[in-house]
Amino acid sequence: MDKNSILVQNLYKKFNDFSLDHISFKIPTGRIVGFIGENGSGKSTTINLILNELKKDGGKIKIFGVDNTTQSIKDNIGVVFDECNFHEVFTVQNIGKMLSGVYSSWDDSLYLNYLRKFNLPLNKPIGSFSKGMKMKLSIICAMSHKPKLLILDEATTGLDPIVREEILDLFLEFIQNEEHSIFFSSHITSDIQKIADYVILIHQGKIIFEEQKDDLIYKYGIIKCGKEKFAEILPDDYIIHRETNVSMECLVRDKNVIRRKYKNIVVDNATLEDIMLFYIKGGTQ
């Protein structure tokens, strides 16, 4: 049985206008797991509960096999949010000195190597950095104490494609160590599609699916056809269907099976974004 870096069981949190509704999922050790969903779906709430920044109302959260409130696990977790939270008057040298006193496993030489790799100046105030530079710094800081688990909440949001590509490459390099894991929340589904091993979709506080990324991309498909042809398709052969102004559309779990069964119907490939929108925009199941 695979080890899990994170195990969430029946997690529940109630707010006035929103509930995280008894969700369960796992982050296998050595894997990148993408966490997708619309704004307000519960992604950040889930991450804050995992990090014990919010107190849960029910359920269990284990990190490295122990309760998430256990202090000894903190050194093994690197966290990156969508904003750089360092004061803008500090330089990266200042930041390195501060964090070396926070983390017992802080590695100055690793920190400097990352700074050189991403061309971040040592002595300029962070307030002069671009958003991409600030995000690179946040990620470098999260990785320079040699964590086993990275938790990323919208870490590539608002970045240009070149910077995002550099950051995704860094994540792929990090995961080469089979003891490392990444839990990566993002609404940029193309980033998740590029690097994730597994994908979890959350919608309105509920887990919709937890699937291997390759199964989603290489097996799922979309039928687009007129109403007459749609009438030929058995309900058991699609997951969701919806009506547009010009056609009927169906999300199917195995496009090759459907292509063989309905030879006169076109089945398109589905991106991760297509699949997410089918579930979020709704339709008839």
Protein backbone atom coordinates (compact mmCIF):
# COMPACT_ATOMS: atom_id res chain seq x y z
CA MET A 1 0.00 0.00 0.00
CA ASP A 2 1.31 3.46 -0.96
CA LYS A 3 2.37 5.88 1.76
CA ASN A 4 0.44 9.13 1.91
CA SER A 5 1.95 12.53 2.66
CA ILE A 6 -1.54 13.86 3.41
CA LEU A 7 -4.65 11.89 4.35
CA VAL A 8 -7.93 13.77 4.75
CA GLN A 9 -10.93 11.86 6.09
CA ASN A 10 -14.48 13.15 6.44
CA LEU A 11 -13.25 16.74 6.89
CA TYR A 12 -15.97 19.20 7.82
CA LYS A 13 -16.01 22.97 8.35
CA LYS A 14 -19.12 25.14 8.69
CA PHE A 15 -19.28 28.87 7.96
CA ASN A 16 -22.34 31.12 7.83
CA ASP A 17 -22.66 30.86 4.05
CA PHE A 18 -20.51 27.86 3.15
CA SER A 19 -19.69 24.35 4.33
CA LEU A 20 -16.79 22.09 3.52
CA ASP A 21 -18.89 18.98 3.34
CA HIS A 22 -17.19 15.89 4.85
CA ILE A 23 -14.50 15.62 2.19
CA SER A 24 -11.92 12.82 1.93
CA PHE A 25 -8.83 12.48 -0.27
CA LYS A 26 -5.14 11.58 -0.13
CA ILE A 27 -1.83 12.90 -1.43
CA PRO A 28 0.39 9.87 -2.18
CA THR A 29 4.07 10.26 -1.35
CA GLY A 30 6.16 10.90 -4.45
CA ARG A 31 3.29 12.41 -6.46
CA ILE A 32 1.98 15.81 -7.57
CA VAL A 33 -1.73 16.23 -6.88
CA GLY A 34 -3.61 19.09 -8.51
CA PHE A 35 -6.54 20.63 -6.65
CA ILE A 36 -8.99 22.39 -8.95
CA GLY A 37 -12.32 24.14 -8.64
CA GLU A 38 -13.93 27.53 -9.14
CA ASN A 39 -13.32 30.49 -6.80
CA GLY A 40 -15.20 29.84 -3.56
CA SER A 41 -15.31 26.08 -4.06
CA GLY A 42 -13.34 25.33 -0.88
CA LYS A 43 -9.74 25.00 -2.10
CA SER A 44 -8.17 27.61 0.20
CA THR A 45 -10.36 26.56 3.13
CA THR A 46 -9.12 22.98 2.72
CA ILE A 47 -5.49 24.08 2.58
CA ASN A 48 -5.86 26.31 5.64
CA LEU A 49 -7.41 23.42 7.54
CA ILE A 50 -4.55 21.12 6.53
CA LEU A 51 -2.06 23.74 7.74
CA ASN A 52 -4.03 24.14 10.98
CA GLU A 53 -4.62 27.82 10.20
CA LEU A 54 -8.33 27.08 10.61
CA LYS A 55 -9.85 24.75 13.20
CA LYS A 56 -11.90 21.93 11.72
CA ASP A 57 -15.41 21.12 12.93
CA GLY A 58 -15.01 17.43 12.23
CA GLY A 59 -12.94 14.78 10.49
CA LYS A 60 -9.26 13.84 10.49
CA ILE A 61 -6.16 15.27 8.82
CA LYS A 62 -2.90 13.35 8.91
CA ILE A 63 0.42 14.55 7.51
CA PHE A 64 3.21 11.97 7.26
CA GLY A 65 0.96 9.63 9.23
CA VAL A 66 0.48 11.90 12.27
CA ASP A 67 -2.13 14.48 13.24
CA ASN A 68 -1.68 17.77 11.39
CA THR A 69 -1.42 19.71 14.67
CA THR A 70 1.85 17.91 15.53
CA GLN A 71 4.59 20.55 15.71
CA SER A 72 7.39 18.22 14.58
CA ILE A 73 6.03 18.03 11.03
CA LYS A 74 6.39 21.78 10.34
CA ASP A 75 10.01 21.63 9.17
CA ASN A 76 9.03 19.10 6.52
CA ILE A 77 6.38 21.31 4.91
CA GLY A 78 6.98 24.17 2.48
CA VAL A 79 4.03 26.51 1.86
CA VAL A 80 3.45 29.04 -0.92
CA PHE A 81 0.40 31.28 -1.26
CA ASP A 82 -0.54 33.52 -4.17
CA GLU A 83 1.01 36.61 -2.57
CA CYS A 84 4.52 37.27 -1.27
CA ASN A 85 4.15 38.08 2.44
CA PHE A 86 7.65 39.40 3.10
CA HIS A 87 7.97 43.08 4.02
CA GLU A 88 9.01 45.09 0.97
CA VAL A 89 11.96 46.84 2.64
CA PHE A 90 13.79 43.54 3.17
CA THR A 91 16.36 42.11 0.76
CA VAL A 92 16.67 38.42 -0.03
CA GLN A 93 19.75 38.36 2.20
CA ASN A 94 17.63 39.66 5.08
CA ILE A 95 15.01 37.01 4.37
CA GLY A 96 17.61 34.23 4.35
CA LYS A 97 18.99 35.29 7.74
CA MET A 98 15.51 35.41 9.28
CA LEU A 99 14.41 32.04 7.94
CA SER A 100 17.65 30.36 9.01
CA GLY A 101 16.50 31.07 12.56
CA VAL A 102 13.01 29.71 11.91
CA TYR A 103 13.85 26.37 10.28
CA SER A 104 16.34 23.98 11.84
CA SER A 105 16.92 22.42 8.40
CA TRP A 106 17.51 25.72 6.56
CA ASP A 107 20.25 25.36 3.91
CA ASP A 108 21.99 28.65 3.06
CA SER A 109 23.95 27.17 0.16
CA LEU A 110 20.77 25.74 -1.39
CA TYR A 111 19.06 29.12 -0.94
CA LEU A 112 21.92 30.94 -2.69
CA ASN A 113 21.96 28.38 -5.50
CA TYR A 114 18.26 28.92 -6.13
CA LEU A 115 18.72 32.71 -6.06
CA ARG A 116 21.49 32.48 -8.66
CA LYS A 117 19.48 30.05 -10.79
CA PHE A 118 16.55 32.47 -10.96
CA ASN A 119 18.67 35.64 -11.17
CA LEU A 120 17.25 37.26 -8.04
CA PRO A 121 19.41 40.15 -6.75
CA LEU A 122 20.75 39.79 -3.23
CA ASN A 123 20.71 43.42 -2.12
CA LYS A 124 17.68 45.03 -3.75
CA PRO A 125 14.55 45.58 -1.63
CA ILE A 126 11.74 43.15 -2.35
CA GLY A 127 9.47 46.13 -3.05
CA SER A 128 11.37 46.65 -6.32
CA PHE A 129 10.67 43.07 -7.50
CA SER A 130 8.11 42.16 -10.14
CA LYS A 131 5.27 39.79 -9.19
CA GLY A 132 7.11 36.95 -10.92
CA MET A 133 10.29 37.65 -8.96
CA LYS A 134 8.35 37.77 -5.69
CA MET A 135 6.69 34.45 -6.44
CA LYS A 136 10.04 32.87 -7.32
CA LEU A 137 11.38 34.12 -3.98
CA SER A 138 8.41 32.67 -2.08
CA ILE A 139 8.94 29.28 -3.71
CA ILE A 140 12.70 29.38 -3.15
CA CYS A 141 12.13 30.12 0.54
CA ALA A 142 9.63 27.26 0.79
CA MET A 143 12.16 24.85 -0.71
CA SER A 144 15.37 26.00 0.97
CA HIS A 145 14.65 24.27 4.27
CA LYS A 146 14.48 20.99 2.33
CA PRO A 147 10.83 20.04 2.97
CA LYS A 148 9.34 16.72 1.92
CA LEU A 149 5.96 18.25 1.11
CA LEU A 150 5.10 21.42 -0.82
CA ILE A 151 1.62 22.91 -0.40
CA LEU A 152 0.88 25.55 -3.02
CA ASP A 153 -2.24 27.72 -3.11
CA GLU A 154 -2.57 29.50 -6.49
CA ALA A 155 1.22 29.87 -6.67
CA THR A 156 1.25 30.54 -10.44
CA THR A 157 -1.73 32.92 -10.56
CA GLY A 158 -1.10 36.16 -12.44
CA LEU A 159 2.32 35.14 -13.73
CA ASP A 160 3.37 35.32 -17.36
CA PRO A 161 3.82 32.02 -19.25
CA ILE A 162 7.63 32.15 -19.14
CA VAL A 163 7.78 32.54 -15.37
CA ARG A 164 5.10 29.87 -14.91
CA GLU A 165 7.11 27.47 -17.04
CA GLU A 166 10.23 28.07 -14.93
CA ILE A 167 8.29 27.46 -11.73
CA LEU A 168 6.63 24.29 -13.03
CA ASP A 169 10.04 22.97 -14.06
CA LEU A 170 11.26 23.60 -10.49
CA PHE A 171 8.33 21.59 -9.12
CA LEU A 172 9.13 18.72 -11.49
CA GLU A 173 12.76 18.82 -10.34
CA PHE A 174 11.64 18.77 -6.69
CA ILE A 175 9.45 15.70 -7.22
CA GLN A 176 12.34 13.67 -8.68
CA ASN A 177 13.02 12.68 -5.07
CA GLU A 178 10.46 9.93 -4.47
CA GLU A 179 10.05 11.01 -0.84
CA HIS A 180 8.77 14.41 -1.96
CA SER A 181 5.13 15.33 -2.70
CA ILE A 182 3.27 18.40 -3.96
CA PHE A 183 -0.32 19.46 -3.28
CA PHE A 184 -0.99 22.17 -5.86
CA SER A 185 -4.16 24.27 -5.85
CA SER A 186 -4.76 26.31 -9.00
CA HIS A 187 -7.51 27.53 -11.27
CA ILE A 188 -5.00 27.46 -14.16
CA THR A 189 -5.92 23.97 -15.29
CA SER A 190 -3.24 23.90 -18.00
CA ASP A 191 -0.56 24.05 -15.26
CA ILE A 192 -2.22 21.16 -13.43
CA GLN A 193 -2.59 19.23 -16.68
CA LYS A 194 1.11 19.71 -17.41
CA ILE A 195 2.61 18.42 -14.16
CA ALA A 196 0.06 16.60 -11.97
CA ASP A 197 -0.15 12.84 -11.42
CA TYR A 198 -3.60 13.02 -9.83
CA VAL A 199 -6.38 15.61 -9.94
CA ILE A 200 -9.00 16.39 -7.31
CA LEU A 201 -12.03 18.51 -8.29
CA ILE A 202 -13.90 20.31 -5.53
CA HIS A 203 -17.18 22.12 -6.17
CA GLN A 204 -19.38 23.89 -3.59
CA GLY A 205 -17.48 22.25 -0.73
CA LYS A 206 -17.75 18.69 -2.05
CA ILE A 207 -15.20 16.46 -3.77
CA ILE A 208 -16.54 15.67 -7.24
CA PHE A 209 -13.73 13.32 -8.27
CA GLU A 210 -10.22 12.18 -7.37
CA GLU A 211 -8.66 10.70 -10.52
CA GLN A 212 -5.36 9.95 -12.18
CA LYS A 213 -4.57 12.84 -14.54
CA ASP A 214 -3.76 10.51 -17.44
CA ASP A 215 -7.15 8.82 -17.16
CA LEU A 216 -8.87 12.19 -17.36
CA ILE A 217 -6.87 13.42 -20.34
CA TYR A 218 -6.51 10.23 -22.37
CA LYS A 219 -9.84 8.54 -21.65
CA TYR A 220 -12.48 11.22 -21.13
CA GLY A 221 -14.10 12.78 -24.19
CA ILE A 222 -16.91 15.07 -25.34
CA ILE A 223 -19.70 14.23 -27.76
CA LYS A 224 -21.11 17.17 -29.72
CA CYS A 225 -24.13 16.32 -31.83
CA GLY A 226 -27.63 17.31 -32.81
CA LYS A 227 -30.73 16.29 -30.87
CA GLU A 228 -31.56 13.46 -33.28
CA LYS A 229 -28.21 11.76 -32.81
CA PHE A 230 -28.28 12.46 -29.09
CA ALA A 231 -31.50 10.44 -28.88
CA GLU A 232 -29.50 7.39 -30.01
CA ILE A 233 -27.06 7.60 -27.08
CA LEU A 234 -27.90 5.49 -24.04
CA PRO A 235 -27.89 7.42 -20.72
CA ASP A 236 -25.44 4.90 -19.24
CA ASP A 237 -22.88 5.88 -21.91
CA TYR A 238 -22.29 9.45 -20.68
CA ILE A 239 -21.63 11.14 -17.34
CA ILE A 240 -23.32 14.51 -17.92
CA HIS A 241 -25.14 16.06 -20.85
CA ARG A 242 -26.13 19.64 -21.54
CA GLU A 243 -27.87 21.56 -24.31
CA THR A 244 -26.23 24.53 -26.04
CA ASN A 245 -27.67 26.93 -28.63
CA VAL A 246 -26.41 24.76 -31.47
CA SER A 247 -25.95 21.20 -30.18
CA MET A 248 -26.11 18.64 -27.41
CA GLU A 249 -22.88 17.93 -25.53
CA CYS A 250 -22.04 14.89 -23.41
CA LEU A 251 -19.05 14.15 -21.21
CA VAL A 252 -18.03 10.49 -21.54
CA ARG A 253 -15.65 8.45 -19.38
CA ASP A 254 -14.06 6.38 -22.19
CA LYS A 255 -14.01 8.06 -25.58
CA ASN A 256 -12.56 5.05 -27.41
CA VAL A 257 -15.37 2.78 -26.23
CA ILE A 258 -17.93 5.37 -27.33
CA ARG A 259 -16.26 5.82 -30.73
CA ARG A 260 -16.48 2.10 -31.36
CA LYS A 261 -20.08 1.88 -30.19
CA TYR A 262 -21.41 4.96 -32.02
CA LYS A 263 -19.51 5.09 -35.29
CA ASN A 264 -21.64 7.91 -36.74
CA ILE A 265 -21.02 10.26 -33.77
CA VAL A 266 -17.93 12.44 -33.34
CA VAL A 267 -16.21 12.27 -29.94
CA ASP A 268 -13.68 15.04 -29.27
CA ASN A 269 -10.78 14.93 -26.83
CA ALA A 270 -11.38 16.67 -23.50
CA THR A 271 -8.98 18.97 -21.66
CA LEU A 272 -8.93 19.22 -17.89
CA GLU A 273 -10.66 22.59 -18.21
CA ASP A 274 -13.42 21.04 -20.36
CA ILE A 275 -14.03 18.36 -17.74
CA MET A 276 -14.07 20.85 -14.87
CA LEU A 277 -16.51 23.16 -16.67
CA PHE A 278 -18.90 20.30 -17.39
CA TYR A 279 -19.20 19.58 -13.68
CA ILE A 280 -19.21 23.20 -12.51
CA LYS A 281 -21.53 24.68 -15.13
CA GLY A 282 -23.90 21.83 -14.57
CA GLY A 283 -25.97 19.64 -16.78
CA THR A 284 -28.07 16.53 -16.45
CA GLN A 285 -26.46 13.38 -15.08
